[in-house]
Protein backbone atom coordinates (compact mmCIF):
# COMPACT_ATOMS: atom_id res chain seq x y z
CA MET A 1 -42.30 -182.79 69.20
CA PHE A 2 -38.50 -182.91 69.16
CA ASP A 3 -36.43 -186.04 68.80
CA VAL A 4 -33.93 -184.90 71.43
CA ILE A 5 -33.81 -181.96 73.84
CA ILE A 6 -30.41 -181.17 75.34
CA ALA A 7 -30.17 -179.20 78.58
CA GLY A 8 -27.00 -177.10 78.46
CA CYS A 9 -25.09 -175.53 75.57
CA GLY A 10 -21.55 -175.88 76.83
CA PRO A 11 -19.01 -177.85 74.80
CA THR A 12 -20.64 -181.19 75.65
CA GLY A 13 -24.18 -180.11 74.77
CA ALA A 14 -23.14 -178.31 71.58
CA MET A 15 -21.02 -181.24 70.39
CA LEU A 16 -23.84 -183.69 71.09
CA ALA A 17 -26.32 -181.53 69.17
CA ALA A 18 -24.01 -181.49 66.17
CA GLU A 19 -23.43 -185.25 66.31
CA LEU A 20 -27.18 -185.89 66.37
CA HIS A 21 -27.85 -183.54 63.48
CA LEU A 22 -25.35 -185.38 61.31
CA HIS A 23 -28.06 -188.06 61.29
CA ASP A 24 -31.00 -185.68 60.70
CA VAL A 25 -32.23 -185.85 64.29
CA ARG A 26 -34.41 -182.90 65.32
CA VAL A 27 -32.58 -181.28 68.24
CA LEU A 28 -33.37 -178.42 70.60
CA VAL A 29 -30.67 -177.13 72.97
CA LEU A 30 -31.82 -175.22 76.05
CA GLU A 31 -29.31 -172.96 77.79
CA LYS A 32 -30.20 -171.16 81.01
CA GLU A 33 -27.61 -168.41 80.48
CA THR A 34 -28.75 -165.58 78.22
CA GLU A 35 -25.22 -164.92 76.91
CA PRO A 36 -22.20 -167.14 76.26
CA THR A 37 -19.45 -167.17 78.88
CA SER A 38 -17.20 -164.11 78.79
CA ALA A 39 -14.37 -165.43 80.98
CA VAL A 40 -11.31 -165.59 78.72
CA ARG A 41 -10.03 -168.76 80.34
CA ILE A 42 -7.63 -170.85 78.27
CA VAL A 43 -8.58 -174.52 78.09
CA GLY A 44 -6.64 -177.34 76.49
CA LEU A 45 -7.75 -179.86 73.90
CA HIS A 46 -5.86 -183.12 74.31
CA ILE A 47 -4.82 -185.53 71.56
CA ARG A 48 -8.00 -187.62 71.49
CA SER A 49 -10.25 -184.56 71.34
CA LEU A 50 -8.13 -183.10 68.54
CA GLU A 51 -8.57 -186.36 66.64
CA LEU A 52 -12.35 -186.15 67.07
CA MET A 53 -12.34 -182.56 65.83
CA ALA A 54 -10.35 -183.67 62.79
CA MET A 55 -12.88 -186.47 62.19
CA ARG A 56 -15.66 -183.91 62.00
CA GLY A 57 -13.78 -181.32 59.94
CA LEU A 58 -13.53 -178.84 62.82
CA LEU A 59 -9.84 -178.86 63.60
CA THR A 60 -8.75 -176.29 61.01
CA ARG A 61 -11.14 -173.72 62.46
CA LEU A 62 -9.95 -174.41 66.00
CA LEU A 63 -6.29 -174.13 65.03
CA GLU A 64 -6.91 -170.58 63.81
CA HIS A 65 -7.75 -169.54 67.37
CA GLY A 66 -5.48 -171.81 69.42
CA ARG A 67 -1.86 -172.24 70.32
CA LYS A 68 -0.04 -175.54 70.10
CA ARG A 69 1.94 -176.75 73.08
CA PRO A 70 4.01 -179.93 73.59
CA ALA A 71 2.08 -182.99 74.75
CA ALA A 72 3.98 -183.21 78.02
CA GLY A 73 3.95 -182.22 81.68
CA PHE A 74 0.27 -183.11 82.20
CA PHE A 75 0.41 -185.64 85.01
CA ALA A 76 0.57 -183.76 88.33
CA ALA A 77 2.56 -181.06 86.47
CA ILE A 78 5.64 -183.31 86.53
CA ASN A 79 7.85 -181.80 83.89
CA LYS A 80 8.87 -184.65 81.59
CA PRO A 81 9.19 -184.49 77.79
CA ALA A 82 6.63 -186.23 75.60
CA PRO A 83 7.40 -189.88 74.80
CA THR A 84 8.88 -190.48 71.38
CA GLY A 85 6.77 -191.77 68.49
CA LEU A 86 3.29 -190.98 69.79
CA ASP A 87 0.76 -192.81 67.61
CA SER A 88 -1.17 -189.75 66.44
CA ALA A 89 -0.93 -187.06 63.79
CA TYR A 90 -2.16 -184.61 66.44
CA ALA A 91 0.37 -185.22 69.22
CA TYR A 92 0.15 -181.82 70.89
CA LEU A 93 -2.03 -179.82 73.26
CA LEU A 94 -4.11 -177.02 71.77
CA GLY A 95 -4.61 -174.13 74.14
CA ILE A 96 -7.71 -172.18 73.15
CA PRO A 97 -9.92 -169.57 74.90
CA GLN A 98 -12.99 -171.22 76.38
CA PRO A 99 -15.44 -168.70 74.85
CA VAL A 100 -13.97 -169.44 71.41
CA ILE A 101 -14.39 -173.19 71.56
CA GLU A 102 -17.91 -172.84 72.97
CA ARG A 103 -18.83 -170.38 70.21
CA LEU A 104 -17.37 -172.55 67.44
CA LEU A 105 -19.07 -175.74 68.65
CA GLU A 106 -22.40 -173.97 69.12
CA GLN A 107 -22.19 -172.45 65.64
CA HIS A 108 -21.26 -175.85 64.21
CA ALA A 109 -24.42 -177.33 65.73
CA ILE A 110 -26.56 -174.46 64.44
CA ASP A 111 -25.06 -174.71 60.97
CA LEU A 112 -26.11 -178.36 60.90
CA GLY A 113 -29.66 -177.44 61.88
CA ALA A 114 -29.88 -177.55 65.68
CA GLN A 115 -32.02 -174.98 67.48
CA VAL A 116 -30.52 -173.18 70.49
CA ARG A 117 -32.71 -171.27 72.92
CA ARG A 118 -30.96 -169.15 75.54
CA GLY A 119 -32.45 -167.95 78.79
CA GLN A 120 -34.49 -171.14 79.20
CA ALA A 121 -33.77 -173.78 81.80
CA VAL A 122 -35.28 -177.17 82.56
CA THR A 123 -37.25 -177.13 85.83
CA GLY A 124 -39.24 -180.35 85.59
CA LEU A 125 -39.59 -183.56 83.63
CA ALA A 126 -41.89 -186.53 83.35
CA GLN A 127 -41.29 -189.50 81.08
CA ASP A 128 -43.47 -192.28 79.73
CA ASP A 129 -43.15 -195.04 77.13
CA GLU A 130 -43.36 -192.58 74.24
CA GLY A 131 -41.19 -189.71 75.36
CA VAL A 132 -40.41 -187.01 77.92
CA THR A 133 -42.39 -183.92 78.88
CA VAL A 134 -39.97 -181.12 79.76
CA GLU A 135 -41.07 -178.13 81.84
CA LEU A 136 -39.16 -174.88 81.38
CA SER A 137 -38.44 -171.98 83.71
CA ASP A 138 -41.00 -169.82 81.90
CA GLY A 139 -43.76 -172.38 82.51
CA GLN A 140 -43.73 -173.71 78.95
CA GLN A 141 -43.91 -177.46 78.38
CA LEU A 142 -42.18 -179.25 75.52
CA ARG A 143 -42.37 -182.81 74.33
CA THR A 144 -39.36 -184.86 73.19
CA ARG A 145 -38.51 -188.47 72.56
CA TYR A 146 -35.28 -188.20 74.58
CA LEU A 147 -33.73 -185.70 76.99
CA VAL A 148 -30.01 -185.38 77.70
CA GLY A 149 -28.70 -183.47 80.69
CA CYS A 150 -25.49 -181.62 79.77
CA ASP A 151 -26.23 -178.98 82.37
CA GLY A 152 -23.10 -179.09 84.48
CA ALA A 153 -21.96 -180.21 87.90
CA ARG A 154 -25.14 -179.00 89.62
CA SER A 155 -27.30 -180.63 86.96
CA THR A 156 -31.01 -180.04 87.39
CA VAL A 157 -31.75 -182.99 85.11
CA ARG A 158 -29.68 -185.35 87.28
CA LYS A 159 -31.42 -184.12 90.42
CA LEU A 160 -34.87 -184.45 88.87
CA LEU A 161 -34.03 -188.03 87.91
CA GLY A 162 -32.95 -188.80 91.45
CA VAL A 163 -29.66 -190.26 90.23
CA GLY A 164 -27.09 -190.58 92.99
CA PHE A 165 -23.86 -188.59 92.69
CA PRO A 166 -21.54 -190.32 95.15
CA GLY A 167 -17.97 -189.27 95.79
CA GLU A 168 -16.05 -186.86 97.99
CA PRO A 169 -16.80 -183.20 98.72
CA ALA A 170 -14.08 -180.61 98.26
CA ARG A 171 -11.35 -180.71 100.89
CA THR A 172 -9.20 -177.98 99.35
CA GLU A 173 -9.85 -175.07 97.07
CA THR A 174 -7.65 -173.20 94.62
CA LEU A 175 -7.90 -169.71 93.14
CA MET A 176 -7.22 -169.40 89.42
CA GLY A 177 -7.20 -166.41 87.11
CA GLU A 178 -5.37 -164.32 84.57
CA MET A 179 -4.11 -160.86 85.45
CA GLU A 180 -1.28 -158.40 84.99
CA VAL A 181 1.62 -158.11 87.43
CA GLY A 182 3.54 -155.08 88.63
CA VAL A 183 7.02 -156.55 88.99
CA PRO A 184 9.66 -157.58 86.40
CA PRO A 185 9.34 -161.04 84.81
CA GLU A 186 12.69 -162.19 86.23
CA GLU A 187 11.48 -161.44 89.76
CA VAL A 188 8.29 -163.44 89.14
CA ALA A 189 10.27 -166.38 87.77
CA ALA A 190 12.75 -166.45 90.65
CA THR A 191 10.07 -166.30 93.34
CA VAL A 192 7.87 -168.90 91.67
CA ALA A 193 10.80 -171.32 91.27
CA THR A 194 11.55 -171.09 95.00
CA ILE A 195 7.94 -171.45 96.17
CA ARG A 196 7.18 -174.38 93.84
CA GLU A 197 9.87 -176.47 95.48
CA THR A 198 7.33 -177.11 98.23
CA HIS A 199 3.99 -175.72 96.93
CA LYS A 200 2.98 -177.53 93.73
CA ARG A 201 -0.48 -175.89 93.67
CA PHE A 202 1.12 -172.49 93.10
CA TRP A 203 2.31 -170.87 89.91
CA LEU A 204 2.45 -167.72 87.83
CA ARG A 205 2.95 -168.46 84.13
CA PRO A 206 3.09 -166.00 81.25
CA ALA A 207 -0.22 -165.89 79.37
CA GLY A 208 0.44 -162.97 77.03
CA VAL A 209 2.28 -159.67 77.06
CA GLY A 210 2.40 -158.64 80.71
CA VAL A 211 -0.36 -161.09 81.61
CA TYR A 212 0.08 -164.13 83.86
CA SER A 213 -1.95 -167.19 84.66
CA VAL A 214 -2.11 -167.23 88.46
CA VAL A 215 -2.87 -170.30 90.58
CA VAL A 216 -2.67 -170.14 94.37
CA PRO A 217 -4.20 -172.27 97.17
CA ALA A 218 -7.22 -170.70 98.83
CA ALA A 219 -7.38 -170.32 102.60
CA ASP A 220 -10.28 -172.75 102.94
CA VAL A 221 -13.27 -174.23 101.11
CA SER A 222 -15.95 -171.59 100.54
CA ASP A 223 -19.16 -171.11 98.63
CA ARG A 224 -18.16 -171.59 94.99
CA ALA A 225 -21.09 -169.42 93.96
CA ARG A 226 -19.10 -166.45 95.28
CA ARG A 227 -16.57 -165.31 92.72
CA PRO A 228 -13.13 -164.50 94.14
CA THR A 229 -11.99 -160.90 94.18
CA LEU A 230 -8.63 -159.41 93.29
CA GLU A 231 -8.08 -158.80 97.00
CA ASP A 232 -8.56 -162.55 97.64
CA PHE A 233 -5.71 -163.23 95.22
CA ARG A 234 -3.50 -160.58 96.78
CA GLN A 235 -4.02 -161.96 100.29
CA ARG A 236 -3.29 -165.54 99.29
CA LEU A 237 -0.25 -164.61 97.21
CA ARG A 238 1.22 -162.72 100.17
CA ALA A 239 0.47 -165.65 102.49
CA VAL A 240 2.12 -168.25 100.24
CA ALA A 241 4.84 -166.29 98.42
CA GLY A 242 5.43 -163.30 100.68
CA THR A 243 4.44 -160.91 97.87
CA ASP A 244 1.35 -160.22 95.80
CA PHE A 245 3.50 -159.42 92.72
CA GLY A 246 1.52 -156.21 92.29
CA VAL A 247 -1.29 -158.11 90.52
CA HIS A 248 -3.92 -155.93 88.86
CA SER A 249 -6.31 -155.69 85.91
CA PRO A 250 -7.67 -159.26 86.02
CA ARG A 251 -9.06 -160.78 82.82
CA TRP A 252 -10.99 -163.38 84.74
CA MET A 253 -10.97 -165.01 88.18
CA SER A 254 -12.46 -168.24 89.47
CA ARG A 255 -12.04 -170.90 92.10
CA PHE A 256 -12.11 -174.68 91.95
CA GLY A 257 -12.19 -177.41 94.54
CA ASP A 258 -11.19 -181.05 94.51
CA ALA A 259 -14.71 -182.46 94.80
CA THR A 260 -14.87 -185.78 92.97
CA ARG A 261 -18.19 -187.42 92.08
CA LEU A 262 -19.55 -189.88 89.52
CA ALA A 263 -23.21 -190.41 88.68
CA GLU A 264 -24.45 -193.88 89.56
CA ARG A 265 -26.24 -194.15 86.23
CA TYR A 266 -25.92 -192.38 82.89
CA ARG A 267 -29.37 -193.38 81.69
CA VAL A 268 -32.83 -193.65 83.22
CA GLY A 269 -35.31 -194.63 80.54
CA ARG A 270 -35.40 -191.86 77.96
CA VAL A 271 -33.23 -189.44 79.93
CA LEU A 272 -29.42 -189.49 79.80
CA LEU A 273 -26.52 -187.59 81.34
CA ALA A 274 -23.23 -186.43 79.81
CA GLY A 275 -20.29 -184.19 80.67
CA ASP A 276 -20.09 -182.56 84.11
CA ALA A 277 -23.69 -183.60 84.81
CA ALA A 278 -22.33 -187.16 84.97
CA HIS A 279 -18.92 -186.60 86.56
CA ILE A 280 -16.88 -183.91 88.31
CA HIS A 281 -13.25 -183.87 89.37
CA PRO A 282 -10.42 -181.40 89.91
CA PRO A 283 -9.13 -179.82 86.67
CA ILE A 284 -5.66 -181.30 87.18
CA GLY A 285 -4.37 -182.52 83.85
CA GLY A 286 -7.02 -180.53 81.96
CA GLN A 287 -9.30 -183.50 81.35
CA GLY A 288 -12.78 -182.16 82.11
CA LEU A 289 -13.81 -180.50 78.85
CA ASN A 290 -12.18 -183.31 76.88
CA LEU A 291 -14.05 -185.98 78.82
CA GLY A 292 -17.38 -184.28 78.12
CA VAL A 293 -16.75 -183.83 74.40
CA GLN A 294 -15.77 -187.48 74.15
CA ASP A 295 -18.98 -188.45 75.99
CA ALA A 296 -20.91 -186.54 73.34
CA VAL A 297 -19.24 -188.28 70.40
CA ASN A 298 -19.75 -191.70 71.96
CA LEU A 299 -23.41 -191.01 72.70
CA GLY A 300 -24.37 -189.05 69.58
CA TRP A 301 -24.44 -191.80 66.94
CA LYS A 302 -25.98 -194.32 69.34
CA LEU A 303 -28.84 -192.03 70.33
CA ALA A 304 -29.33 -191.07 66.69
CA ALA A 305 -29.57 -194.76 65.79
CA GLN A 306 -32.24 -195.17 68.47
CA VAL A 307 -34.21 -192.23 67.12
CA ARG A 308 -33.83 -193.34 63.49
CA GLY A 309 -35.05 -196.82 64.33
CA TRP A 310 -32.07 -198.96 63.33
CA ALA A 311 -30.26 -199.32 66.65
CA PRO A 312 -29.62 -202.85 67.88
CA GLU A 313 -31.46 -203.53 71.11
CA THR A 314 -28.53 -202.97 73.47
CA LEU A 315 -26.67 -200.25 71.54
CA LEU A 316 -27.76 -197.30 73.68
CA ASP A 317 -26.81 -199.19 76.83
CA THR A 318 -23.20 -199.36 75.61
CA TYR A 319 -22.95 -195.60 76.24
CA GLN A 320 -22.87 -196.13 80.00
CA ALA A 321 -20.99 -199.42 79.71
CA GLU A 322 -18.17 -197.67 77.83
CA ARG A 323 -18.07 -194.16 79.24
CA HIS A 324 -18.75 -194.79 82.95
CA PRO A 325 -15.45 -196.72 83.40
CA VAL A 326 -13.57 -194.03 81.48
CA ALA A 327 -14.88 -191.36 83.85
CA ALA A 328 -14.08 -193.55 86.87
CA ASP A 329 -10.49 -193.80 85.64
CA VAL A 330 -10.26 -190.02 85.20
CA LEU A 331 -11.57 -189.52 88.72
CA ASP A 332 -8.94 -191.90 90.06
CA ASN A 333 -6.06 -190.27 88.22
CA THR A 334 -7.11 -186.81 89.38
CA ARG A 335 -7.33 -188.11 92.95
CA ALA A 336 -3.79 -189.41 92.57
CA GLN A 337 -2.57 -186.16 91.06
CA THR A 338 -4.18 -184.15 93.84
CA GLU A 339 -2.24 -186.16 96.42
CA LEU A 340 0.98 -185.64 94.49
CA LEU A 341 0.46 -181.86 94.65
CA SER A 342 0.31 -181.91 98.44
CA SER A 343 3.13 -180.27 100.35
CA GLU A 344 3.11 -183.07 102.94
CA PRO A 345 6.44 -184.96 103.21
CA GLY A 346 4.92 -188.35 102.33
CA ALA A 347 3.22 -187.03 99.21
CA GLN A 348 6.39 -185.27 98.13
CA ALA A 349 8.37 -188.49 98.58
CA VAL A 350 5.92 -190.34 96.31
CA ARG A 351 6.15 -187.49 93.81
CA ARG A 352 9.93 -187.76 93.72
CA LEU A 353 9.70 -191.51 93.18
CA LEU A 354 7.16 -191.13 90.35
CA THR A 355 9.33 -188.44 88.78
CA GLU A 356 12.15 -190.98 88.62
CA LEU A 357 9.88 -193.70 87.23
CA MET A 358 8.68 -191.38 84.47
CA ASP A 359 12.19 -191.45 83.05
CA PHE A 360 11.18 -194.89 81.77
CA ASP A 361 9.46 -194.37 78.42
CA GLU A 362 6.79 -196.98 79.17
CA VAL A 363 5.70 -195.22 82.37
CA ASN A 364 5.73 -191.76 80.79
CA ARG A 365 3.78 -193.04 77.77
CA HIS A 366 1.18 -194.84 79.89
CA LEU A 367 0.42 -191.75 81.96
CA LEU A 368 0.29 -189.47 78.92
CA GLU A 369 -2.07 -191.82 77.06
CA LYS A 370 -4.26 -191.93 80.16
CA ILE A 371 -4.50 -188.14 80.42
CA THR A 372 -4.97 -187.52 76.68
CA GLY A 373 -7.57 -190.26 76.11
CA VAL A 374 -5.66 -192.17 73.43
CA GLY A 375 -5.17 -195.17 75.70
CA ILE A 376 -8.91 -195.93 75.96
CA ARG A 377 -9.95 -199.41 74.88
CA TYR A 378 -13.64 -200.28 74.94
CA ASP A 379 -14.65 -203.86 75.66
CA VAL A 380 -16.04 -204.94 72.28
CA GLY A 381 -14.91 -208.56 72.60
CA GLU A 382 -11.80 -210.70 72.31
CA GLY A 383 -9.31 -209.96 69.57
CA PRO A 384 -6.12 -208.09 68.64
CA ASP A 385 -5.02 -205.16 70.80
CA LEU A 386 -6.35 -202.67 68.23
CA LEU A 387 -9.90 -203.96 68.68
CA GLY A 388 -11.91 -201.48 70.76
CA ARG A 389 -9.25 -198.78 70.46
CA ARG A 390 -9.36 -195.65 68.35
CA LEU A 391 -7.62 -195.87 64.99
CA ARG A 392 -5.04 -193.22 64.17
CA ASP A 393 -5.47 -190.98 61.11
CA VAL A 394 -3.78 -193.37 58.67
CA ASP A 395 -2.56 -192.39 55.22
CA LEU A 396 -4.66 -193.61 52.28
CA ARG A 397 -4.16 -193.74 48.55
CA HIS A 398 -6.05 -190.48 48.19
CA GLY A 399 -5.80 -188.44 51.38
CA ASN A 400 -6.24 -189.50 54.98
CA LEU A 401 -8.69 -191.56 57.03
CA TYR A 402 -10.31 -188.89 59.19
CA ALA A 403 -11.45 -186.90 56.16
CA LEU A 404 -13.83 -189.80 55.44
CA LEU A 405 -15.53 -189.51 58.84
CA HIS A 406 -16.93 -185.98 58.61
CA ARG A 407 -20.51 -187.27 58.21
CA GLY A 408 -20.41 -189.34 61.40
CA ARG A 409 -21.03 -192.68 59.67
CA GLY A 410 -19.37 -196.03 60.18
CA LEU A 411 -16.54 -196.98 57.82
CA LEU A 412 -15.19 -200.26 56.49
CA LEU A 413 -11.53 -199.82 55.54
CA ASP A 414 -10.83 -202.80 53.29
CA ARG A 415 -7.30 -203.67 52.19
CA THR A 416 -8.45 -206.98 50.63
CA GLU A 417 -10.80 -205.32 48.09
CA ARG A 418 -13.08 -208.35 48.62
CA LEU A 419 -15.31 -207.21 51.48
CA SER A 420 -18.69 -205.44 51.36
CA VAL A 421 -20.99 -203.49 53.66
CA GLY A 422 -23.98 -204.81 51.72
CA GLY A 423 -27.29 -203.68 53.14
CA TRP A 424 -25.70 -201.38 55.70
CA SER A 425 -24.62 -198.77 53.15
CA ASP A 426 -27.10 -196.21 54.51
CA ARG A 427 -25.09 -196.23 57.76
CA VAL A 428 -21.61 -197.48 56.84
CA ASP A 429 -19.26 -196.37 54.06
CA HIS A 430 -16.79 -198.71 52.34
CA LEU A 431 -13.30 -197.81 51.19
CA ALA A 432 -11.28 -200.46 49.36
CA ASP A 433 -7.64 -199.38 49.52
CA PRO A 434 -4.84 -201.98 49.51
CA THR A 435 -2.32 -199.17 50.12
CA ALA A 436 -3.83 -198.11 53.47
CA ASP A 437 -1.16 -197.80 56.16
CA LEU A 438 -2.44 -200.75 58.24
CA ASP A 439 -1.05 -204.15 59.17
CA VAL A 440 -4.48 -205.87 59.20
CA PRO A 441 -6.64 -206.87 56.20
CA GLY A 442 -9.72 -204.90 57.14
CA VAL A 443 -11.23 -202.84 59.97
CA LEU A 444 -14.78 -201.77 60.73
CA MET A 445 -14.81 -198.37 62.40
CA ARG A 446 -17.67 -196.96 64.43
CA PRO A 447 -18.64 -193.30 63.89
CA ASP A 448 -16.63 -192.36 67.00
CA GLY A 449 -13.44 -193.72 65.41
CA HIS A 450 -13.14 -196.88 67.53
CA VAL A 451 -12.47 -200.23 65.89
CA ALA A 452 -15.41 -202.65 66.11
CA TRP A 453 -14.03 -205.50 63.98
CA ILE A 454 -10.77 -206.69 62.41
CA GLY A 455 -10.44 -209.43 59.80
CA ASP A 456 -11.12 -210.60 56.26
CA ASP A 457 -14.12 -212.94 56.63
CA GLN A 458 -17.35 -211.55 55.15
CA GLN A 459 -19.71 -213.59 57.34
CA ASP A 460 -17.90 -212.50 60.48
CA LEU A 461 -18.04 -208.91 59.24
CA ASP A 462 -21.79 -209.18 58.61
CA ASP A 463 -22.30 -210.40 62.17
CA HIS A 464 -20.46 -207.37 63.52
CA LEU A 465 -22.28 -204.99 61.21
CA SER A 466 -25.53 -206.32 62.66
CA ARG A 467 -24.21 -205.98 66.19
CA TRP A 468 -23.31 -202.31 65.82
CA PHE A 469 -25.51 -201.05 62.98
CA GLY A 470 -28.70 -203.12 63.21
CA GLU A 471 -30.47 -205.03 60.48
CA PRO A 472 -29.35 -204.50 56.86
CA ALA A 473 -31.47 -202.42 54.51
CA ASP A 474 -30.39 -202.06 50.85
CA GLN A 475 -27.28 -202.96 48.93
CA GLY A 476 -23.97 -201.20 49.54
CA ARG A 477 -21.80 -198.73 47.75
CA ARG A 478 -18.08 -198.03 47.71
CA LEU A 479 -16.18 -194.78 48.13
């Protein structure tokens, strides 16, 4: 019997498996595809995801395979510079090939002890008070205490649960790919500049020597199961731009629509949903992969606590309470961005107005923090603005904060040198450092890097330790 079975070994499923194994949870990941994806699509890791990777000691490996870009121009592709003084040591976008990030996260999970079985898909499930029976495509049945569906937009797990997936179907569709062109770069640039004055869903951008990222509106909404052909791109480029730019030798080609849906529930008993299984939206602003990875980090320690037996009664319910509103906000901002990309006169007028407003630093900063995830504040109670937010990677007497979070445990950062984690030391570390770059006496951080408590009163701290980390066990230790 497994503690947790995860359906789907994309970035969300792999990250969740790793998070669970940090707490010695027995995990099996089932992936229906026999081989990892081969499409060399470049995806972007936003600031909050980069912070999470740094917290788990993964960022250095990712940087070896990625390319840094400025943290700007995300919202509806409105070209504004990044706001000054962003509150993060990782204030950039990391462009990285999708197969690379999937491979690195899967290997990270395996290195920690997770099992991954490819070519096996979930086809049935039945749950009771003790666990979940999972039926596989080969007829095999497995038993697990919990099941998490990370199996994508057409999630079998979500459908088997009967969880509603309300929202809007796709109204428009866009072709996207990377391919070589047969005309000089200056001709591409001049044509694109002219077309983008009215068609914001169109671009050709350099993606390597002689290779371009190509995005062009499709003629209509079609069956997404059918992959687009090079001829589809040529036809649409001629229709929109008057030339097909001599495109040839595609690296990869795909299509995406603007369907927008959010699962009604993230949990039904012992079965949970995360990533695209819980929410889908257009890829505008590059938020999808980031949203799923952040789901995984929020859920991982809470589900591990449930399995290990120390979770407070309502802890696992906070996964939906915290992440469902975040996804709803992403769906709304992608709806807004989709409208701003329309070529209709009204939409273009609103776009021009917003472009002016983004010259105000507060507006530009608000939209960037929304897209990159650093503006998220969970409702953990009344208190200072920092409460419920993620804490930046502050400088310490010996090193930096995120280096202390590699094991996925809670952390008390204590500038008073008078506080204690007491009987929670098996779940929470304690660092007494009066030199820490903070303007508060002490903070209790959850394993996902969000602040659960601020203060200097030991009794109040104990109450919050109980709230987030259950009943105390033995006496504490200090780092």
